[in-house]
Amino acid sequence: MGMPMELNTMIVTKGNEIREEENVFRLTKAGYRLYPIDIPIDVRKTIQSDSSGTAVIRKVEWMNEKTNITYQLISLNSTN
């Protein structure tokens, strides 16, 4: 019996993102998740929080019941 596949339409970081380059980040999420690739989507710290910016996912990897995404931040919303 495999793990269920979850479809995600935004990136929820929970503060766990790792900066790889100036505007490129890597994030590991538990479970196997599908993300839209190469189209702009919302980035949020939590599901309930306001959007912190817009990113384009460049790479998705599934391994050991985890999903690794590499995304490029293309716009940042100012935080109050």
N, C-alpha and C. Protein backbone atom coordinates (compact mmCIF):
# COMPACT_ATOMS: atom_id res chain seq x y z
N MET A 1 0.86 -1.20 0.00
CA MET A 1 0.00 0.00 0.00
C MET A 1 0.89 1.24 0.00
N GLY A 2 0.78 2.06 -1.03
CA GLY A 2 1.61 3.27 -1.13
C GLY A 2 1.04 4.43 -0.34
N MET A 3 1.84 5.46 -0.23
CA MET A 3 1.36 6.67 0.44
C MET A 3 0.41 7.41 -0.48
N PRO A 4 -0.58 8.10 0.08
CA PRO A 4 -1.46 8.89 -0.77
C PRO A 4 -0.67 10.05 -1.39
N MET A 5 -1.10 10.47 -2.57
CA MET A 5 -0.47 11.58 -3.26
C MET A 5 -1.29 12.83 -2.97
N GLU A 6 -0.62 13.90 -2.61
CA GLU A 6 -1.31 15.14 -2.28
C GLU A 6 -1.01 16.18 -3.35
N LEU A 7 -2.04 16.89 -3.80
CA LEU A 7 -1.86 17.96 -4.78
C LEU A 7 -1.76 19.29 -4.05
N ASN A 8 -0.66 20.00 -4.25
CA ASN A 8 -0.45 21.30 -3.60
C ASN A 8 -0.49 22.40 -4.63
N THR A 9 -1.26 23.46 -4.34
CA THR A 9 -1.37 24.58 -5.28
C THR A 9 -0.67 25.82 -4.76
N MET A 10 0.03 25.69 -3.64
CA MET A 10 0.87 26.77 -3.13
C MET A 10 2.04 26.14 -2.39
N ILE A 11 3.07 26.93 -2.15
CA ILE A 11 4.22 26.47 -1.37
C ILE A 11 4.04 26.98 0.05
N VAL A 12 3.95 26.06 1.01
CA VAL A 12 3.83 26.43 2.42
C VAL A 12 5.15 26.05 3.09
N THR A 13 5.92 27.06 3.50
CA THR A 13 7.30 26.79 3.93
C THR A 13 7.43 26.41 5.40
N LYS A 14 6.54 26.92 6.25
CA LYS A 14 6.65 26.75 7.70
C LYS A 14 8.05 27.14 8.19
N GLY A 15 8.73 28.00 7.44
CA GLY A 15 10.05 28.48 7.84
C GLY A 15 11.16 27.47 7.61
N ASN A 16 10.89 26.39 6.87
CA ASN A 16 11.87 25.31 6.69
C ASN A 16 12.66 25.40 5.38
N GLU A 17 12.46 26.47 4.63
CA GLU A 17 13.16 26.57 3.34
C GLU A 17 14.65 26.83 3.55
N ILE A 18 15.45 26.33 2.62
CA ILE A 18 16.91 26.51 2.66
C ILE A 18 17.31 27.29 1.42
N ARG A 19 18.02 28.40 1.63
CA ARG A 19 18.44 29.22 0.49
C ARG A 19 19.63 28.56 -0.21
N GLU A 20 19.50 28.37 -1.52
CA GLU A 20 20.59 27.79 -2.31
C GLU A 20 21.34 28.87 -3.08
N GLU A 21 20.59 29.83 -3.62
CA GLU A 21 21.18 30.97 -4.30
C GLU A 21 20.38 32.18 -3.86
N GLU A 22 20.66 33.33 -4.46
CA GLU A 22 20.02 34.56 -4.00
C GLU A 22 18.50 34.44 -3.92
N ASN A 23 17.89 33.90 -4.98
CA ASN A 23 16.43 33.79 -4.97
C ASN A 23 15.96 32.36 -5.27
N VAL A 24 16.83 31.39 -5.02
CA VAL A 24 16.48 29.98 -5.22
C VAL A 24 16.52 29.27 -3.88
N PHE A 25 15.45 28.52 -3.59
CA PHE A 25 15.31 27.86 -2.30
C PHE A 25 14.97 26.39 -2.49
N ARG A 26 15.30 25.60 -1.48
CA ARG A 26 14.94 24.18 -1.46
C ARG A 26 14.08 23.93 -0.23
N LEU A 27 13.09 23.10 -0.38
CA LEU A 27 12.17 22.80 0.72
C LEU A 27 11.83 21.32 0.67
N THR A 28 11.86 20.67 1.83
CA THR A 28 11.49 19.25 1.93
C THR A 28 10.17 19.15 2.69
N LYS A 29 9.23 18.42 2.11
CA LYS A 29 7.92 18.21 2.73
C LYS A 29 7.72 16.72 2.95
N ALA A 30 7.03 16.35 4.02
CA ALA A 30 6.72 14.95 4.29
C ALA A 30 5.70 14.44 3.28
N GLY A 31 5.85 13.20 2.87
CA GLY A 31 4.89 12.58 1.96
C GLY A 31 5.19 12.92 0.52
N TYR A 32 4.41 12.34 -0.38
CA TYR A 32 4.57 12.57 -1.81
C TYR A 32 3.56 13.62 -2.24
N ARG A 33 4.05 14.68 -2.86
CA ARG A 33 3.18 15.79 -3.24
C ARG A 33 3.40 16.17 -4.70
N LEU A 34 2.32 16.50 -5.35
CA LEU A 34 2.38 17.03 -6.71
C LEU A 34 2.32 18.55 -6.63
N TYR A 35 3.15 19.20 -7.43
CA TYR A 35 3.15 20.66 -7.52
C TYR A 35 3.13 21.05 -8.98
N PRO A 36 2.49 22.18 -9.30
CA PRO A 36 2.62 22.69 -10.67
C PRO A 36 4.05 23.20 -10.88
N ILE A 37 4.63 22.90 -12.01
CA ILE A 37 6.01 23.30 -12.31
C ILE A 37 6.00 24.37 -13.39
N ASP A 38 6.93 25.32 -13.26
CA ASP A 38 7.14 26.37 -14.27
C ASP A 38 5.97 27.34 -14.43
N ILE A 39 5.08 27.42 -13.45
CA ILE A 39 4.08 28.49 -13.45
C ILE A 39 4.11 29.16 -12.09
N PRO A 40 3.86 30.46 -12.03
CA PRO A 40 3.93 31.18 -10.75
C PRO A 40 2.85 30.70 -9.78
N ILE A 41 3.28 30.41 -8.55
CA ILE A 41 2.32 30.07 -7.49
C ILE A 41 2.69 30.81 -6.21
N ASP A 42 1.74 30.88 -5.31
CA ASP A 42 1.87 31.58 -4.03
C ASP A 42 2.86 30.89 -3.09
N VAL A 43 3.61 31.69 -2.35
CA VAL A 43 4.45 31.17 -1.28
C VAL A 43 3.91 31.75 0.03
N ARG A 44 3.68 30.88 1.00
CA ARG A 44 3.19 31.32 2.31
C ARG A 44 3.97 30.61 3.40
N LYS A 45 4.07 31.27 4.55
CA LYS A 45 4.74 30.63 5.68
C LYS A 45 3.85 29.55 6.29
N THR A 46 2.56 29.86 6.41
CA THR A 46 1.57 28.86 6.84
C THR A 46 0.39 28.95 5.89
N ILE A 47 -0.47 27.95 5.92
CA ILE A 47 -1.64 27.95 5.03
C ILE A 47 -2.50 29.18 5.29
N GLN A 48 -2.62 29.58 6.58
CA GLN A 48 -3.50 30.70 6.93
C GLN A 48 -2.86 32.07 6.71
N SER A 49 -1.54 32.14 6.61
CA SER A 49 -0.89 33.45 6.53
C SER A 49 -1.07 34.08 5.16
N ASP A 50 -0.84 35.38 5.09
CA ASP A 50 -0.89 36.08 3.81
C ASP A 50 0.25 35.59 2.92
N SER A 51 0.07 35.77 1.64
CA SER A 51 1.11 35.40 0.68
C SER A 51 2.38 36.20 0.97
N SER A 52 3.51 35.51 1.01
CA SER A 52 4.78 36.23 1.21
C SER A 52 5.49 36.49 -0.10
N GLY A 53 4.97 35.91 -1.20
CA GLY A 53 5.57 36.15 -2.50
C GLY A 53 5.06 35.16 -3.53
N THR A 54 5.69 35.21 -4.69
CA THR A 54 5.34 34.32 -5.79
C THR A 54 6.61 33.61 -6.23
N ALA A 55 6.48 32.31 -6.51
CA ALA A 55 7.64 31.53 -6.92
C ALA A 55 7.27 30.64 -8.09
N VAL A 56 8.32 30.19 -8.78
CA VAL A 56 8.16 29.19 -9.83
C VAL A 56 8.97 27.97 -9.42
N ILE A 57 8.32 26.82 -9.36
CA ILE A 57 9.01 25.59 -8.99
C ILE A 57 9.78 25.07 -10.19
N ARG A 58 11.06 24.82 -10.00
CA ARG A 58 11.94 24.35 -11.08
C ARG A 58 12.16 22.85 -11.05
N LYS A 59 12.06 22.25 -9.84
CA LYS A 59 12.37 20.82 -9.74
C LYS A 59 11.58 20.21 -8.58
N VAL A 60 11.06 19.02 -8.80
CA VAL A 60 10.38 18.25 -7.75
C VAL A 60 11.01 16.87 -7.73
N GLU A 61 11.41 16.41 -6.55
CA GLU A 61 11.98 15.06 -6.41
C GLU A 61 11.23 14.32 -5.32
N TRP A 62 10.89 13.06 -5.59
CA TRP A 62 10.26 12.19 -4.60
C TRP A 62 11.25 11.14 -4.15
N MET A 63 11.45 11.03 -2.85
CA MET A 63 12.37 10.03 -2.34
C MET A 63 12.10 9.78 -0.85
N ASN A 64 12.13 8.52 -0.45
CA ASN A 64 12.00 8.15 0.97
C ASN A 64 10.79 8.80 1.64
N GLU A 65 9.65 8.77 0.95
CA GLU A 65 8.40 9.32 1.48
C GLU A 65 8.49 10.80 1.79
N LYS A 66 9.35 11.49 1.04
CA LYS A 66 9.46 12.95 1.16
C LYS A 66 9.43 13.55 -0.24
N THR A 67 9.04 14.81 -0.30
CA THR A 67 9.06 15.57 -1.55
C THR A 67 10.02 16.73 -1.39
N ASN A 68 11.00 16.81 -2.27
CA ASN A 68 11.93 17.95 -2.28
C ASN A 68 11.57 18.84 -3.45
N ILE A 69 11.37 20.12 -3.17
CA ILE A 69 11.12 21.06 -4.26
C ILE A 69 12.21 22.12 -4.27
N THR A 70 12.58 22.53 -5.47
CA THR A 70 13.50 23.65 -5.65
C THR A 70 12.71 24.72 -6.37
N TYR A 71 12.65 25.91 -5.77
CA TYR A 71 11.85 26.97 -6.37
C TYR A 71 12.60 28.29 -6.42
N GLN A 72 12.18 29.11 -7.37
CA GLN A 72 12.79 30.42 -7.57
C GLN A 72 11.76 31.47 -7.22
N LEU A 73 12.12 32.33 -6.26
CA LEU A 73 11.24 33.42 -5.87
C LEU A 73 11.27 34.48 -6.97
N ILE A 74 10.10 34.84 -7.52
CA ILE A 74 10.08 35.83 -8.59
C ILE A 74 9.51 37.16 -8.13
N SER A 75 8.76 37.17 -7.05
CA SER A 75 8.34 38.44 -6.45
C SER A 75 8.12 38.24 -4.96
N LEU A 76 8.37 39.30 -4.22
CA LEU A 76 8.28 39.26 -2.76
C LEU A 76 7.27 40.31 -2.33
N ASN A 77 6.30 39.90 -1.50
CA ASN A 77 5.35 40.86 -0.97
C ASN A 77 5.93 41.45 0.30
N SER A 78 5.84 42.75 0.44
CA SER A 78 6.37 43.39 1.65
C SER A 78 5.55 42.97 2.86
N THR A 79 6.22 42.76 3.99
CA THR A 79 5.52 42.36 5.21
C THR A 79 5.46 43.56 6.14
N ASN A 80 4.35 43.69 6.82
CA ASN A 80 4.19 44.82 7.75
C ASN A 80 4.79 44.51 9.10
